[in-house]
Amino acid sequence: MWTSWQSDFQPIITTLRNFGSKNIMVVPAPRMQRILDATAFDSEGGKSLLDYLLNDPLSSLSYSMHPYPAPIYRVNDECGMGEYNLTDWSRWWGNLVDKVSAPIVISEWYTGGVADLPSCLSLSHQPPSTPAPYGWPDNSVWLSPDIAQQFTQYLLTNGPKGGPISTFGVYVFDVEGYIVADLTNTAFPPTVFDASQTFECGQQISVNGTYDSYQGPGELVKNMFKVMQNQ
């Protein structure tokens, strides 16, 4: 996996720099941007990701992740799987943060109440089980509100030197019910999780008595960005 990833992107970086580009480059991680595990060894070359890091003469690149809480099964150490909690985030990409100078960037992420997405998790909408050792315990229950709360906190405290992990993308700002509850409102009110009731995928709630929206992590993301801005 790492051999193919390096051979795909290193020529692009080299070519662009040779043409004089000074832009910051954001390089997608392998396997749908789901895995940057510094401990996983490559079946092609027998070495870890640290032996295949990309070279940028301007030292101006970052690696991007899409850590959705949805089942992406690990096969032959090459696929990320089910990023549901701190253990998963640290396993699949968080362990690289302090080992590289290039920042790890969360460029896309979501868990919330939109029912047709596998990243919506409620009591009646759980991921399928997988065989050991890559599955999760049969009694595990994953809920979007819990994952969103824990994930935003993880991003704030598990970056370089205990600071935040760079985040600039959440899916999706320009469709109602994901991050923004009401696009017709110029204040662009964020989606929220209603702690007063049991969370369920596809359920809409009334916000301020003026509009209905799916539940979502918009308020959590907004507060996370505020904290990052002050750090």
Protein backbone atom coordinates (compact mmCIF):
# COMPACT_ATOMS: atom_id res chain seq x y z
CA MET A 1 0.00 0.00 0.00
CA TRP A 2 2.66 2.54 1.01
CA THR A 3 4.79 1.70 -2.03
CA SER A 4 1.90 2.40 -4.41
CA TRP A 5 0.91 5.55 -2.52
CA GLN A 6 4.43 6.94 -2.66
CA SER A 7 4.90 6.09 -6.34
CA ASP A 8 1.58 7.80 -7.18
CA PHE A 9 2.13 11.08 -5.36
CA GLN A 10 5.88 11.71 -5.21
CA PRO A 11 6.16 12.38 -8.98
CA ILE A 12 3.25 14.83 -8.77
CA ILE A 13 4.88 16.76 -5.93
CA THR A 14 8.25 16.79 -7.69
CA THR A 15 6.76 17.95 -10.99
CA LEU A 16 4.74 20.76 -9.43
CA ARG A 17 7.71 22.05 -7.44
CA ASN A 18 9.92 21.89 -10.55
CA PHE A 19 7.36 24.09 -12.33
CA GLY A 20 7.72 26.64 -9.55
CA SER A 21 4.59 25.97 -7.52
CA LYS A 22 4.85 27.25 -3.96
CA ASN A 23 1.34 26.24 -2.91
CA ILE A 24 0.66 24.24 0.21
CA MET A 25 -0.05 20.69 -0.94
CA VAL A 26 -2.66 18.48 0.71
CA VAL A 27 -1.99 14.82 -0.05
CA PRO A 28 -4.85 12.33 0.49
CA ALA A 29 -4.13 9.29 2.63
CA PRO A 30 -4.56 5.82 1.11
CA ARG A 31 -7.76 3.79 1.11
CA MET A 32 -10.33 6.55 0.75
CA GLN A 33 -8.26 8.76 3.05
CA ARG A 34 -8.92 6.39 5.95
CA ILE A 35 -5.49 5.13 7.02
CA LEU A 36 -2.16 6.71 7.97
CA ASP A 37 -1.04 4.09 10.44
CA ALA A 38 2.65 4.54 11.24
CA THR A 39 2.80 1.00 12.63
CA ALA A 40 1.26 -0.86 9.67
CA PHE A 41 3.78 -2.62 7.46
CA ASP A 42 3.42 -2.69 3.70
CA SER A 43 2.75 -6.07 2.14
CA GLU A 44 4.52 -4.84 -1.00
CA GLY A 45 7.74 -3.64 0.60
CA GLY A 46 7.70 -4.95 4.15
CA LYS A 47 8.28 -1.50 5.65
CA SER A 48 6.13 0.95 7.57
CA LEU A 49 4.66 4.25 6.41
CA LEU A 50 7.60 6.08 7.98
CA ASP A 51 9.83 4.58 5.28
CA TYR A 52 7.59 5.94 2.51
CA LEU A 53 6.85 9.50 3.58
CA LEU A 54 6.70 11.98 0.73
CA ASN A 55 9.48 14.47 0.10
CA ASP A 56 8.70 18.14 -0.47
CA PRO A 57 11.70 20.46 -0.98
CA LEU A 58 9.63 23.35 0.40
CA SER A 59 8.43 21.34 3.42
CA SER A 60 4.95 22.62 2.68
CA LEU A 61 2.67 19.61 2.44
CA SER A 62 0.17 17.94 4.71
CA TYR A 63 -1.61 14.59 4.77
CA SER A 64 -5.42 14.58 4.75
CA MET A 65 -7.83 12.17 6.41
CA HIS A 66 -11.55 11.37 6.12
CA PRO A 67 -12.14 9.52 9.43
CA TYR A 68 -15.82 8.72 9.07
CA PRO A 69 -17.29 6.42 11.73
CA ALA A 70 -18.34 3.78 9.24
CA PRO A 71 -17.18 0.21 8.61
CA ILE A 72 -14.24 0.07 6.21
CA TYR A 73 -12.77 -3.36 6.82
CA ARG A 74 -9.08 -3.98 7.26
CA VAL A 75 -7.72 -6.56 4.82
CA ASN A 76 -4.06 -7.61 4.79
CA ASP A 77 -3.18 -4.55 6.88
CA GLU A 78 -4.26 -2.30 4.02
CA CYS A 79 -7.69 -0.92 4.90
CA GLY A 80 -8.84 1.30 7.71
CA MET A 81 -11.88 0.06 9.61
CA GLY A 82 -14.63 1.55 11.67
CA GLU A 83 -13.27 4.73 13.25
CA TYR A 84 -15.60 4.92 16.24
CA ASN A 85 -13.51 5.83 19.28
CA LEU A 86 -10.18 7.04 20.61
CA THR A 87 -8.57 3.64 20.13
CA ASP A 88 -9.53 3.56 16.44
CA TRP A 89 -8.46 7.14 15.75
CA SER A 90 -5.09 6.61 17.39
CA ARG A 91 -4.62 3.28 15.60
CA TRP A 92 -5.43 4.34 12.05
CA TRP A 93 -3.84 7.79 11.88
CA GLY A 94 -3.38 9.50 15.26
CA ASN A 95 -0.15 7.62 15.98
CA LEU A 96 1.51 9.48 13.08
CA VAL A 97 0.86 13.01 14.37
CA ASP A 98 3.99 13.31 16.52
CA LYS A 99 6.20 11.34 14.12
CA VAL A 100 6.12 13.69 11.12
CA SER A 101 6.70 17.39 10.58
CA ALA A 102 3.91 17.60 7.99
CA PRO A 103 0.54 18.23 9.66
CA ILE A 104 -2.26 15.68 9.61
CA VAL A 105 -5.40 17.45 8.38
CA ILE A 106 -9.00 16.33 8.83
CA SER A 107 -10.43 17.48 5.50
CA GLU A 108 -13.77 15.68 5.73
CA TRP A 109 -15.78 14.11 8.54
CA TYR A 110 -19.38 13.64 9.68
CA THR A 111 -21.64 11.68 11.96
CA GLY A 112 -25.23 12.74 12.55
CA GLY A 113 -28.88 12.19 11.85
CA VAL A 114 -29.00 11.85 8.05
CA ALA A 115 -30.36 8.32 7.83
CA ASP A 116 -29.07 7.25 4.41
CA LEU A 117 -25.42 7.56 5.47
CA PRO A 118 -23.51 4.67 7.11
CA SER A 119 -21.98 7.26 9.47
CA CYS A 120 -25.36 7.77 11.17
CA LEU A 121 -25.41 5.46 14.18
CA SER A 122 -28.35 4.99 16.55
CA LEU A 123 -29.80 2.09 18.53
CA SER A 124 -31.60 0.80 15.44
CA HIS A 125 -28.85 1.69 12.97
CA GLN A 126 -25.68 -0.12 14.02
CA PRO A 127 -22.78 -1.21 11.79
CA PRO A 128 -22.55 -4.86 10.74
CA SER A 129 -20.35 -7.13 12.80
CA THR A 130 -16.97 -8.26 11.47
CA PRO A 131 -14.80 -11.25 12.27
CA ALA A 132 -12.10 -11.08 14.94
CA PRO A 133 -9.51 -9.68 15.31
CA TYR A 134 -10.71 -6.65 13.37
CA GLY A 135 -14.28 -6.58 14.60
CA TRP A 136 -15.70 -4.95 17.70
CA PRO A 137 -17.28 -6.64 20.74
CA ASP A 138 -20.80 -7.90 20.14
CA ASN A 139 -22.11 -5.71 22.95
CA SER A 140 -20.67 -2.48 21.52
CA VAL A 141 -23.27 0.18 20.76
CA TRP A 142 -22.22 3.20 18.70
CA LEU A 143 -24.23 6.42 18.81
CA SER A 144 -23.58 9.48 16.65
CA PRO A 145 -23.94 12.05 19.47
CA ASP A 146 -21.34 10.24 21.60
CA ILE A 147 -18.93 9.78 18.71
CA ALA A 148 -19.22 13.43 17.66
CA GLN A 149 -18.57 14.67 21.20
CA GLN A 150 -15.57 12.40 21.71
CA PHE A 151 -14.15 13.06 18.25
CA THR A 152 -14.21 16.86 18.50
CA GLN A 153 -12.54 16.59 21.90
CA TYR A 154 -9.93 14.23 20.45
CA LEU A 155 -9.12 16.74 17.71
CA LEU A 156 -8.60 19.48 20.30
CA THR A 157 -6.15 17.57 22.46
CA ASN A 158 -4.27 15.02 20.36
CA GLY A 159 -2.34 17.18 17.92
CA PRO A 160 1.37 18.04 18.08
CA LYS A 161 2.52 18.72 21.67
CA GLY A 162 -0.99 18.09 22.97
CA GLY A 163 -2.55 20.85 20.89
CA PRO A 164 -5.29 20.58 18.24
CA ILE A 165 -5.23 18.53 15.05
CA SER A 166 -5.80 20.68 11.97
CA THR A 167 -9.39 20.53 10.77
CA PHE A 168 -10.86 22.39 7.81
CA GLY A 169 -13.49 20.09 6.38
CA VAL A 170 -16.78 18.73 7.66
CA TYR A 171 -19.37 17.06 5.44
CA VAL A 172 -21.27 19.05 4.30
CA PHE A 173 -21.76 22.81 4.83
CA ASP A 174 -24.00 23.59 1.86
CA VAL A 175 -26.76 20.99 2.39
CA GLU A 176 -29.31 21.50 5.16
CA GLY A 177 -29.36 19.06 8.05
CA TYR A 178 -25.69 18.10 8.10
CA ILE A 179 -23.75 20.96 9.71
CA VAL A 180 -26.08 23.88 9.00
CA ALA A 181 -29.69 23.44 10.13
CA ASP A 182 -31.32 26.15 7.98
CA LEU A 183 -29.69 27.62 4.88
CA THR A 184 -32.47 30.18 4.44
CA ASN A 185 -31.46 31.78 7.73
CA THR A 186 -28.57 34.19 7.16
CA ALA A 187 -27.22 33.34 10.62
CA PHE A 188 -26.69 29.76 9.35
CA PRO A 189 -27.66 28.10 12.63
CA PRO A 190 -25.72 24.88 13.28
CA THR A 191 -27.28 21.48 13.73
CA VAL A 192 -27.44 20.15 17.28
CA PHE A 193 -27.95 16.88 19.13
CA ASP A 194 -31.01 16.94 21.39
CA ALA A 195 -29.92 15.39 24.68
CA SER A 196 -33.50 15.37 25.98
CA GLN A 197 -34.52 12.47 23.76
CA THR A 198 -33.11 9.22 22.44
CA PHE A 199 -31.18 9.85 19.25
CA GLU A 200 -32.52 8.15 16.13
CA CYS A 201 -31.31 8.31 12.54
CA GLY A 202 -33.68 10.18 10.23
CA GLN A 203 -35.51 11.91 13.09
CA GLN A 204 -36.03 15.64 12.70
CA ILE A 205 -36.24 18.00 15.65
CA SER A 206 -37.62 21.50 16.04
CA VAL A 207 -34.93 24.14 16.53
CA ASN A 208 -35.98 27.33 18.32
CA GLY A 209 -39.54 26.53 17.26
CA THR A 210 -38.90 27.99 13.81
CA TYR A 211 -37.63 25.14 11.63
CA ASP A 212 -37.10 21.39 11.64
CA SER A 213 -33.73 19.78 11.05
CA TYR A 214 -31.90 16.50 11.35
CA GLN A 215 -29.73 16.29 14.42
CA GLY A 216 -26.05 16.81 13.77
CA PRO A 217 -22.63 17.93 15.05
CA GLY A 218 -22.78 21.53 13.79
CA GLU A 219 -22.77 23.13 17.25
CA LEU A 220 -19.91 20.89 18.39
CA VAL A 221 -17.86 21.77 15.32
CA LYS A 222 -18.57 25.47 15.77
CA ASN A 223 -17.40 25.36 19.38
CA MET A 224 -14.34 23.33 18.41
CA PHE A 225 -13.31 25.94 15.84
CA LYS A 226 -13.73 28.67 18.46
CA VAL A 227 -11.36 26.89 20.80
CA MET A 228 -8.84 26.29 18.00
CA GLN A 229 -9.00 29.95 17.03
CA ASN A 230 -7.96 30.97 20.53
CA GLN A 231 -5.05 28.54 20.78
